[in-house]
Amino acid sequence: MDITSLIHRRRSIFPKFYVQDKPVERALIEQLLENANWAPTHKLTEPWRFQVFHSPESRETLSNYLADHYRRTTPPDLFSEEKMQKMSENPRRAGAVIAIILHRNPQESLPEFEEIAAVAMAVQNMWLTCTALNLGCYWGTSKAALEAHDFLQLAPNERCLGMFYLGWHEAPDVPGKRRDIAEKVSWK
Protein backbone atom coordinates (compact mmCIF):
# COMPACT_ATOMS: atom_id res chain seq x y z
CA MET A 1 0.00 0.00 0.00
CA ASP A 2 1.36 3.41 -0.88
CA ILE A 3 1.81 6.05 1.83
CA THR A 4 -1.03 8.29 0.62
CA SER A 5 -3.56 5.44 0.74
CA LEU A 6 -2.31 4.42 4.17
CA ILE A 7 -2.69 7.97 5.53
CA HIS A 8 -6.18 8.27 4.04
CA ARG A 9 -7.24 4.93 5.60
CA ARG A 10 -6.10 5.84 9.14
CA ARG A 11 -9.08 5.95 11.54
CA SER A 12 -9.84 5.91 15.23
CA ILE A 13 -11.24 2.47 15.97
CA PHE A 14 -12.69 2.21 19.45
CA PRO A 15 -12.63 -0.76 21.88
CA LYS A 16 -16.33 -1.52 21.40
CA PHE A 17 -15.25 -3.00 18.02
CA TYR A 18 -12.28 -5.00 19.36
CA VAL A 19 -12.33 -8.80 19.29
CA GLN A 20 -11.69 -9.71 22.91
CA ASP A 21 -10.45 -13.26 22.45
CA LYS A 22 -7.79 -12.35 19.88
CA PRO A 23 -4.63 -11.15 21.67
CA VAL A 24 -2.20 -8.65 20.21
CA GLU A 25 1.20 -10.34 20.22
CA ARG A 26 4.05 -8.76 22.13
CA ALA A 27 6.28 -8.85 19.02
CA LEU A 28 3.72 -6.75 17.16
CA ILE A 29 3.59 -4.19 19.99
CA GLU A 30 7.38 -4.07 19.94
CA GLN A 31 7.20 -3.35 16.19
CA LEU A 32 4.79 -0.46 16.84
CA LEU A 33 7.12 0.95 19.48
CA GLU A 34 10.18 0.55 17.24
CA ASN A 35 8.38 2.49 14.51
CA ALA A 36 7.43 5.15 17.07
CA ASN A 37 11.09 5.45 17.97
CA TRP A 38 11.87 6.65 14.43
CA ALA A 39 9.78 9.82 14.71
CA PRO A 40 11.47 13.16 13.98
CA THR A 41 13.04 14.71 17.06
CA HIS A 42 14.75 18.10 17.26
CA LYS A 43 18.25 17.83 18.75
CA LEU A 44 17.64 14.08 19.07
CA THR A 45 16.00 14.45 22.49
CA GLU A 46 13.67 11.48 21.73
CA PRO A 47 11.08 12.71 24.27
CA TRP A 48 8.70 9.76 23.96
CA ARG A 49 8.30 7.14 26.64
CA PHE A 50 5.72 4.38 26.78
CA GLN A 51 4.27 2.09 29.41
CA VAL A 52 2.55 -0.96 27.96
CA PHE A 53 -0.44 -2.54 29.68
CA HIS A 54 -0.49 -5.89 27.89
CA SER A 55 -1.35 -8.63 30.36
CA PRO A 56 -4.95 -9.07 31.50
CA GLU A 57 -3.83 -8.22 35.04
CA SER A 58 -2.16 -4.95 34.07
CA ARG A 59 -5.15 -3.94 31.92
CA GLU A 60 -7.43 -4.70 34.90
CA THR A 61 -5.26 -2.47 37.11
CA LEU A 62 -5.54 0.31 34.52
CA SER A 63 -9.29 -0.25 34.28
CA ASN A 64 -9.67 0.10 38.05
CA TYR A 65 -7.56 3.28 38.09
CA LEU A 66 -9.60 4.93 35.30
CA ALA A 67 -12.96 4.09 36.89
CA ASP A 68 -11.81 5.14 40.36
CA HIS A 69 -10.37 8.44 39.07
CA TYR A 70 -13.63 9.23 37.28
CA ARG A 71 -15.66 8.37 40.40
CA ARG A 72 -13.45 10.51 42.69
CA THR A 73 -13.09 13.57 40.47
CA THR A 74 -16.44 13.93 38.71
CA PRO A 75 -18.96 16.24 40.38
CA PRO A 76 -22.24 14.48 41.18
CA ASP A 77 -24.24 16.58 38.72
CA LEU A 78 -21.88 15.53 35.87
CA PHE A 79 -21.41 11.91 36.90
CA SER A 80 -22.52 9.26 34.40
CA GLU A 81 -22.60 5.60 35.40
CA GLU A 82 -22.50 4.73 31.68
CA LYS A 83 -19.34 6.80 31.11
CA MET A 84 -17.63 5.25 34.13
CA GLN A 85 -18.55 1.77 32.87
CA LYS A 86 -17.13 2.56 29.42
CA MET A 87 -13.86 3.87 30.92
CA SER A 88 -13.62 0.69 32.95
CA GLU A 89 -14.39 -1.63 30.01
CA ASN A 90 -12.08 -0.08 27.42
CA PRO A 91 -8.78 -1.44 28.83
CA ARG A 92 -10.35 -4.87 29.31
CA ARG A 93 -11.59 -4.97 25.70
CA ALA A 94 -8.26 -3.82 24.26
CA GLY A 95 -5.47 -6.20 23.35
CA ALA A 96 -3.10 -3.66 24.90
CA VAL A 97 -3.06 -0.08 26.10
CA ILE A 98 0.04 2.06 25.78
CA ALA A 99 0.48 5.08 28.04
CA ILE A 100 1.94 7.91 25.96
CA ILE A 101 4.46 9.83 28.03
CA LEU A 102 6.28 13.08 27.37
CA HIS A 103 9.79 12.92 28.83
CA ARG A 104 10.96 16.54 28.85
CA ASN A 105 14.59 17.24 28.17
CA PRO A 106 15.85 17.98 31.74
CA GLN A 107 17.73 21.06 30.46
CA GLU A 108 14.53 22.23 28.73
CA SER A 109 16.70 23.24 25.81
CA LEU A 110 13.71 23.04 23.47
CA PRO A 111 10.27 24.60 23.75
CA GLU A 112 7.78 22.15 25.23
CA PHE A 113 5.58 22.29 22.12
CA GLU A 114 8.45 20.81 20.05
CA GLU A 115 8.75 17.90 22.46
CA ILE A 116 4.96 17.33 22.42
CA ALA A 117 5.00 17.47 18.62
CA ALA A 118 7.74 14.83 18.53
CA VAL A 119 5.70 12.55 20.79
CA ALA A 120 2.64 13.08 18.59
CA MET A 121 4.69 12.09 15.53
CA ALA A 122 5.80 8.95 17.35
CA VAL A 123 2.14 8.13 17.98
CA GLN A 124 1.31 8.79 14.32
CA ASN A 125 4.00 6.26 13.37
CA MET A 126 2.30 3.69 15.63
CA TRP A 127 -1.11 4.62 14.21
CA LEU A 128 0.00 4.21 10.60
CA THR A 129 1.62 0.88 11.46
CA CYS A 130 -1.66 -0.28 13.02
CA THR A 131 -3.53 0.85 9.91
CA ALA A 132 -1.17 -1.10 7.65
CA LEU A 133 -1.77 -4.22 9.79
CA ASN A 134 -5.55 -3.66 10.03
CA LEU A 135 -5.15 -3.35 13.80
CA GLY A 136 -7.65 -1.00 15.41
CA CYS A 137 -6.41 1.80 17.64
CA TYR A 138 -7.17 5.22 19.04
CA TRP A 139 -5.51 7.84 21.22
CA GLY A 140 -7.64 8.61 24.27
CA THR A 141 -7.03 11.73 26.34
CA SER A 142 -9.42 11.34 29.25
CA LYS A 143 -8.89 13.47 32.33
CA ALA A 144 -7.89 10.30 34.18
CA ALA A 145 -5.18 9.58 31.61
CA LEU A 146 -3.86 13.12 31.61
CA GLU A 147 -3.72 13.08 35.43
CA ALA A 148 -2.08 9.64 35.70
CA HIS A 149 1.28 10.97 36.93
CA ASP A 150 1.18 9.15 40.28
CA PHE A 151 -0.49 6.03 38.90
CA LEU A 152 2.23 5.68 36.26
CA GLN A 153 4.97 6.69 38.74
CA LEU A 154 6.35 9.31 36.39
CA ALA A 155 9.43 11.42 37.01
CA PRO A 156 9.04 15.17 37.67
CA ASN A 157 9.99 15.97 34.05
CA GLU A 158 7.36 13.58 32.64
CA ARG A 159 3.64 13.73 31.99
CA CYS A 160 1.08 11.47 30.42
CA LEU A 161 -0.38 12.69 27.12
CA GLY A 162 -3.01 9.95 26.91
CA MET A 163 -3.58 6.27 26.33
CA PHE A 164 -3.21 4.44 23.00
CA TYR A 165 -5.73 1.61 22.88
CA LEU A 166 -5.29 -1.17 20.33
CA GLY A 167 -6.89 -4.44 19.34
CA TRP A 168 -7.93 -6.63 16.44
CA HIS A 169 -11.31 -5.40 15.34
CA GLU A 170 -14.53 -5.97 13.45
CA ALA A 171 -15.34 -2.31 12.78
CA PRO A 172 -17.06 -1.39 9.55
CA ASP A 173 -14.97 0.41 6.96
CA VAL A 174 -15.97 4.06 7.34
CA PRO A 175 -14.93 6.60 4.71
CA GLY A 176 -12.84 9.50 5.95
CA LYS A 177 -14.11 13.06 6.03
CA ARG A 178 -12.01 16.15 5.45
CA ARG A 179 -12.84 19.55 4.05
CA ASP A 180 -10.99 20.51 0.89
CA ILE A 181 -7.36 21.42 1.56
CA ALA A 182 -7.78 24.52 -0.62
CA GLU A 183 -9.89 26.01 2.20
CA LYS A 184 -6.91 25.77 4.54
CA VAL A 185 -4.03 26.96 2.36
CA SER A 186 -2.99 30.33 1.04
CA TRP A 187 -0.24 30.66 -1.56
CA LYS A 188 2.14 33.65 -1.52
C-alpha atoms as a PDB file:
ATOM      1  CA  MET A   1       0.000   0.000   0.000  1.00  0.00           C
ATOM      2  CA  ASP A   2       1.357   3.412  -0.878  1.00  0.00           C
ATOM      3  CA  ILE A   3       1.806   6.049   1.834  1.00  0.00           C
ATOM      4  CA  THR A   4      -1.030   8.293   0.617  1.00  0.00           C
ATOM      5  CA  SER A   5      -3.559   5.436   0.741  1.00  0.00           C
ATOM      6  CA  LEU A   6      -2.307   4.425   4.175  1.00  0.00           C
ATOM      7  CA  ILE A   7      -2.694   7.973   5.534  1.00  0.00           C
ATOM      8  CA  HIS A   8      -6.183   8.273   4.042  1.00  0.00           C
ATOM      9  CA  ARG A   9      -7.238   4.926   5.605  1.00  0.00           C
ATOM     10  CA  ARG A  10      -6.101   5.844   9.137  1.00  0.00           C
ATOM     11  CA  ARG A  11      -9.076   5.946  11.538  1.00  0.00           C
ATOM     12  CA  SER A  12      -9.844   5.913  15.226  1.00  0.00           C
ATOM     13  CA  ILE A  13     -11.245   2.472  15.972  1.00  0.00           C
ATOM     14  CA  PHE A  14     -12.686   2.214  19.454  1.00  0.00           C
ATOM     15  CA  PRO A  15     -12.625  -0.755  21.880  1.00  0.00           C
ATOM     16  CA  LYS A  16     -16.326  -1.518  21.396  1.00  0.00           C
ATOM     17  CA  PHE A  17     -15.252  -2.996  18.018  1.00  0.00           C
ATOM     18  CA  TYR A  18     -12.280  -4.996  19.364  1.00  0.00           C
ATOM     19  CA  VAL A  19     -12.327  -8.798  19.289  1.00  0.00           C
ATOM     20  CA  GLN A  20     -11.687  -9.706  22.906  1.00  0.00           C
ATOM     21  CA  ASP A  21     -10.450 -13.263  22.445  1.00  0.00           C
ATOM     22  CA  LYS A  22      -7.791 -12.353  19.880  1.00  0.00           C
ATOM     23  CA  PRO A  23      -4.634 -11.153  21.668  1.00  0.00           C
ATOM     24  CA  VAL A  24      -2.196  -8.653  20.211  1.00  0.00           C
ATOM     25  CA  GLU A  25       1.196 -10.341  20.218  1.00  0.00           C
ATOM     26  CA  ARG A  26       4.051  -8.755  22.126  1.00  0.00           C
ATOM     27  CA  ALA A  27       6.280  -8.854  19.018  1.00  0.00           C
ATOM     28  CA  LEU A  28       3.719  -6.749  17.158  1.00  0.00           C
ATOM     29  CA  ILE A  29       3.586  -4.185  19.991  1.00  0.00           C
ATOM     30  CA  GLU A  30       7.380  -4.066  19.939  1.00  0.00           C
ATOM     31  CA  GLN A  31       7.204  -3.352  16.188  1.00  0.00           C
ATOM     32  CA  LEU A  32       4.789  -0.458  16.840  1.00  0.00           C
ATOM     33  CA  LEU A  33       7.119   0.951  19.480  1.00  0.00           C
ATOM     34  CA  GLU A  34      10.181   0.547  17.241  1.00  0.00           C
ATOM     35  CA  ASN A  35       8.380   2.490  14.508  1.00  0.00           C
ATOM     36  CA  ALA A  36       7.429   5.149  17.067  1.00  0.00           C
ATOM     37  CA  ASN A  37      11.090   5.447  17.973  1.00  0.00           C
ATOM     38  CA  TRP A  38      11.873   6.651  14.429  1.00  0.00           C
ATOM     39  CA  ALA A  39       9.784   9.820  14.706  1.00  0.00           C
ATOM     40  CA  PRO A  40      11.469  13.160  13.980  1.00  0.00           C
ATOM     41  CA  THR A  41      13.037  14.708  17.061  1.00  0.00           C
ATOM     42  CA  HIS A  42      14.747  18.104  17.261  1.00  0.00           C
ATOM     43  CA  LYS A  43      18.246  17.830  18.749  1.00  0.00           C
ATOM     44  CA  LEU A  44      17.640  14.077  19.073  1.00  0.00           C
ATOM     45  CA  THR A  45      15.999  14.449  22.490  1.00  0.00           C
ATOM     46  CA  GLU A  46      13.670  11.482  21.735  1.00  0.00           C
ATOM     47  CA  PRO A  47      11.084  12.707  24.275  1.00  0.00           C
ATOM     48  CA  TRP A  48       8.696   9.758  23.955  1.00  0.00           C
ATOM     49  CA  ARG A  49       8.302   7.143  26.642  1.00  0.00           C
ATOM     50  CA  PHE A  50       5.721   4.378  26.776  1.00  0.00           C
ATOM     51  CA  GLN A  51       4.267   2.086  29.414  1.00  0.00           C
ATOM     52  CA  VAL A  52       2.547  -0.964  27.957  1.00  0.00           C
ATOM     53  CA  PHE A  53      -0.444  -2.544  29.682  1.00  0.00           C
ATOM     54  CA  HIS A  54      -0.490  -5.888  27.893  1.00  0.00           C
ATOM     55  CA  SER A  55      -1.346  -8.630  30.364  1.00  0.00           C
ATOM     56  CA  PRO A  56      -4.954  -9.066  31.497  1.00  0.00           C
ATOM     57  CA  GLU A  57      -3.830  -8.221  35.043  1.00  0.00           C
ATOM     58  CA  SER A  58      -2.163  -4.954  34.070  1.00  0.00           C
ATOM     59  CA  ARG A  59      -5.152  -3.937  31.925  1.00  0.00           C
ATOM     60  CA  GLU A  60      -7.427  -4.699  34.905  1.00  0.00           C
ATOM     61  CA  THR A  61      -5.259  -2.465  37.112  1.00  0.00           C
ATOM     62  CA  LEU A  62      -5.540   0.315  34.522  1.00  0.00           C
ATOM     63  CA  SER A  63      -9.294  -0.251  34.285  1.00  0.00           C
ATOM     64  CA  ASN A  64      -9.668   0.104  38.050  1.00  0.00           C
ATOM     65  CA  TYR A  65      -7.565   3.281  38.087  1.00  0.00           C
ATOM     66  CA  LEU A  66      -9.597   4.933  35.303  1.00  0.00           C
ATOM     67  CA  ALA A  67     -12.962   4.095  36.894  1.00  0.00           C
ATOM     68  CA  ASP A  68     -11.810   5.145  40.363  1.00  0.00           C
ATOM     69  CA  HIS A  69     -10.373   8.439  39.071  1.00  0.00           C
ATOM     70  CA  TYR A  70     -13.635   9.228  37.284  1.00  0.00           C
ATOM     71  CA  ARG A  71     -15.657   8.366  40.405  1.00  0.00           C
ATOM     72  CA  ARG A  72     -13.449  10.508  42.688  1.00  0.00           C
ATOM     73  CA  THR A  73     -13.088  13.573  40.466  1.00  0.00           C
ATOM     74  CA  THR A  74     -16.435  13.927  38.710  1.00  0.00           C
ATOM     75  CA  PRO A  75     -18.958  16.242  40.378  1.00  0.00           C
ATOM     76  CA  PRO A  76     -22.242  14.476  41.184  1.00  0.00           C
ATOM     77  CA  ASP A  77     -24.238  16.585  38.717  1.00  0.00           C
ATOM     78  CA  LEU A  78     -21.882  15.535  35.867  1.00  0.00           C
ATOM     79  CA  PHE A  79     -21.415  11.910  36.898  1.00  0.00           C
ATOM     80  CA  SER A  80     -22.521   9.257  34.403  1.00  0.00           C
ATOM     81  CA  GLU A  81     -22.597   5.602  35.397  1.00  0.00           C
ATOM     82  CA  GLU A  82     -22.500   4.733  31.676  1.00  0.00           C
ATOM     83  CA  LYS A  83     -19.336   6.796  31.106  1.00  0.00           C
ATOM     84  CA  MET A  84     -17.629   5.249  34.130  1.00  0.00           C
ATOM     85  CA  GLN A  85     -18.546   1.768  32.873  1.00  0.00           C
ATOM     86  CA  LYS A  86     -17.126   2.556  29.416  1.00  0.00           C
ATOM     87  CA  MET A  87     -13.862   3.875  30.921  1.00  0.00           C
ATOM     88  CA  SER A  88     -13.618   0.694  32.946  1.00  0.00           C
ATOM     89  CA  GLU A  89     -14.392  -1.628  30.011  1.00  0.00           C
ATOM     90  CA  ASN A  90     -12.075  -0.079  27.418  1.00  0.00           C
ATOM     91  CA  PRO A  91      -8.780  -1.438  28.833  1.00  0.00           C
ATOM     92  CA  ARG A  92     -10.354  -4.867  29.308  1.00  0.00           C
ATOM     93  CA  ARG A  93     -11.594  -4.975  25.698  1.00  0.00           C
ATOM     94  CA  ALA A  94      -8.263  -3.815  24.256  1.00  0.00           C
ATOM     95  CA  GLY A  95      -5.470  -6.200  23.352  1.00  0.00           C
ATOM     96  CA  ALA A  96      -3.098  -3.664  24.895  1.00  0.00           C
ATOM     97  CA  VAL A  97      -3.063  -0.076  26.100  1.00  0.00           C
ATOM     98  CA  ILE A  98       0.041   2.056  25.783  1.00  0.00           C
ATOM     99  CA  ALA A  99       0.484   5.082  28.043  1.00  0.00           C
ATOM    100  CA  ILE A 100       1.943   7.907  25.956  1.00  0.00           C
ATOM    101  CA  ILE A 101       4.463   9.833  28.028  1.00  0.00           C
ATOM    102  CA  LEU A 102       6.284  13.082  27.365  1.00  0.00           C
ATOM    103  CA  HIS A 103       9.791  12.923  28.832  1.00  0.00           C
ATOM    104  CA  ARG A 104      10.961  16.538  28.851  1.00  0.00           C
ATOM    105  CA  ASN A 105      14.594  17.245  28.173  1.00  0.00           C
ATOM    106  CA  PRO A 106      15.851  17.981  31.737  1.00  0.00           C
ATOM    107  CA  GLN A 107      17.725  21.059  30.464  1.00  0.00           C
ATOM    108  CA  GLU A 108      14.525  22.233  28.726  1.00  0.00           C
ATOM    109  CA  SER A 109      16.698  23.244  25.809  1.00  0.00           C
ATOM    110  CA  LEU A 110      13.707  23.041  23.472  1.00  0.00           C
ATOM    111  CA  PRO A 111      10.267  24.601  23.747  1.00  0.00           C
ATOM    112  CA  GLU A 112       7.782  22.145  25.232  1.00  0.00           C
ATOM    113  CA  PHE A 113       5.585  22.288  22.122  1.00  0.00           C
ATOM    114  CA  GLU A 114       8.449  20.813  20.054  1.00  0.00           C
ATOM    115  CA  GLU A 115       8.750  17.905  22.462  1.00  0.00           C
ATOM    116  CA  ILE A 116       4.964  17.334  22.423  1.00  0.00           C
ATOM    117  CA  ALA A 117       5.002  17.471  18.621  1.00  0.00           C
ATOM    118  CA  ALA A 118       7.737  14.829  18.526  1.00  0.00           C
ATOM    119  CA  VAL A 119       5.702  12.550  20.794  1.00  0.00           C
ATOM    120  CA  ALA A 120       2.638  13.083  18.588  1.00  0.00           C
ATOM    121  CA  MET A 121       4.686  12.088  15.535  1.00  0.00           C
ATOM    122  CA  ALA A 122       5.803   8.948  17.348  1.00  0.00           C
ATOM    123  CA  VAL A 123       2.145   8.127  17.984  1.00  0.00           C
ATOM    124  CA  GLN A 124       1.313   8.788  14.321  1.00  0.00           C
ATOM    125  CA  ASN A 125       4.004   6.257  13.366  1.00  0.00           C
ATOM    126  CA  MET A 126       2.304   3.687  15.625  1.00  0.00           C
ATOM    127  CA  TRP A 127      -1.108   4.620  14.212  1.00  0.00           C
ATOM    128  CA  LEU A 128      -0.003   4.208  10.599  1.00  0.00           C
ATOM    129  CA  THR A 129       1.616   0.885  11.464  1.00  0.00           C
ATOM    130  CA  CYS A 130      -1.661  -0.280  13.022  1.00  0.00           C
ATOM    131  CA  THR A 131      -3.530   0.853   9.906  1.00  0.00           C
ATOM    132  CA  ALA A 132      -1.173  -1.104   7.652  1.00  0.00           C
ATOM    133  CA  LEU A 133      -1.767  -4.218   9.785  1.00  0.00           C
ATOM    134  CA  ASN A 134      -5.548  -3.662  10.032  1.00  0.00           C
ATOM    135  CA  LEU A 135      -5.151  -3.351  13.795  1.00  0.00           C
ATOM    136  CA  GLY A 136      -7.655  -0.999  15.410  1.00  0.00           C
ATOM    137  CA  CYS A 137      -6.407   1.799  17.635  1.00  0.00           C
ATOM    138  CA  TYR A 138      -7.174   5.218  19.045  1.00  0.00           C
ATOM    139  CA  TRP A 139      -5.511   7.844  21.220  1.00  0.00           C
ATOM    140  CA  GLY A 140      -7.641   8.611  24.272  1.00  0.00           C
ATOM    141  CA  THR A 141      -7.028  11.734  26.345  1.00  0.00           C
ATOM    142  CA  SER A 142      -9.425  11.336  29.246  1.00  0.00           C
ATOM    143  CA  LYS A 143      -8.895  13.470  32.333  1.00  0.00           C
ATOM    144  CA  ALA A 144      -7.890  10.297  34.183  1.00  0.00           C
ATOM    145  CA  ALA A 145      -5.177   9.576  31.608  1.00  0.00           C
ATOM    146  CA  LEU A 146      -3.858  13.122  31.608  1.00  0.00           C
ATOM    147  CA  GLU A 147      -3.721  13.080  35.430  1.00  0.00           C
ATOM    148  CA  ALA A 148      -2.080   9.642  35.698  1.00  0.00           C
ATOM    149  CA  HIS A 149       1.283  10.967  36.934  1.00  0.00           C
ATOM    150  CA  ASP A 150       1.183   9.154  40.283  1.00  0.00           C
ATOM    151  CA  PHE A 151      -0.490   6.029  38.905  1.00  0.00           C
ATOM    152  CA  LEU A 152       2.229   5.676  36.259  1.00  0.00           C
ATOM    153  CA  GLN A 153       4.973   6.686  38.736  1.00  0.00           C
ATOM    154  CA  LEU A 154       6.346   9.309  36.393  1.00  0.00           C
ATOM    155  CA  ALA A 155       9.427  11.416  37.014  1.00  0.00           C
ATOM    156  CA  PRO A 156       9.043  15.171  37.675  1.00  0.00           C
ATOM    157  CA  ASN A 157       9.986  15.973  34.049  1.00  0.00           C
ATOM    158  CA  GLU A 158       7.361  13.583  32.636  1.00  0.00           C
ATOM    159  CA  ARG A 159       3.645  13.728  31.991  1.00  0.00           C
ATOM    160  CA  CYS A 160       1.082  11.471  30.419  1.00  0.00           C
ATOM    161  CA  LEU A 161      -0.377  12.691  27.117  1.00  0.00           C
ATOM    162  CA  GLY A 162      -3.009   9.954  26.905  1.00  0.00           C
ATOM    163  CA  MET A 163      -3.582   6.267  26.328  1.00  0.00           C
ATOM    164  CA  PHE A 164      -3.206   4.444  23.001  1.00  0.00           C
ATOM    165  CA  TYR A 165      -5.731   1.608  22.876  1.00  0.00           C
ATOM    166  CA  LEU A 166      -5.293  -1.167  20.332  1.00  0.00           C
ATOM    167  CA  GLY A 167      -6.893  -4.436  19.339  1.00  0.00           C
ATOM    168  CA  TRP A 168      -7.926  -6.630  16.438  1.00  0.00           C
ATOM    169  CA  HIS A 169     -11.311  -5.396  15.345  1.00  0.00           C
ATOM    170  CA  GLU A 170     -14.530  -5.966  13.450  1.00  0.00           C
ATOM    171  CA  ALA A 171     -15.337  -2.313  12.778  1.00  0.00           C
ATOM    172  CA  PRO A 172     -17.060  -1.393   9.547  1.00  0.00           C
ATOM    173  CA  ASP A 173     -14.965   0.413   6.959  1.00  0.00           C
ATOM    174  CA  VAL A 174     -15.966   4.059   7.338  1.00  0.00           C
ATOM    175  CA  PRO A 175     -14.928   6.600   4.714  1.00  0.00           C
ATOM    176  CA  GLY A 176     -12.845   9.503   5.948  1.00  0.00           C
ATOM    177  CA  LYS A 177     -14.105  13.063   6.026  1.00  0.00           C
ATOM    178  CA  ARG A 178     -12.009  16.152   5.454  1.00  0.00           C
ATOM    179  CA  ARG A 179     -12.841  19.555   4.046  1.00  0.00           C
ATOM    180  CA  ASP A 180     -10.993  20.508   0.895  1.00  0.00           C
ATOM    181  CA  ILE A 181      -7.360  21.421   1.559  1.00  0.00           C
ATOM    182  CA  ALA A 182      -7.778  24.519  -0.619  1.00  0.00           C
ATOM    183  CA  GLU A 183      -9.894  26.006   2.203  1.00  0.00           C
ATOM    184  CA  LYS A 184      -6.908  25.767   4.540  1.00  0.00           C
ATOM    185  CA  VAL A 185      -4.034  26.958   2.363  1.00  0.00           C
ATOM    186  CA  SER A 186      -2.988  30.328   1.039  1.00  0.00           C
ATOM    187  CA  TRP A 187      -0.241  30.665  -1.561  1.00  0.00           C
ATOM    188  CA  LYS A 188       2.139  33.652  -1.521  1.00  0.00           C
END
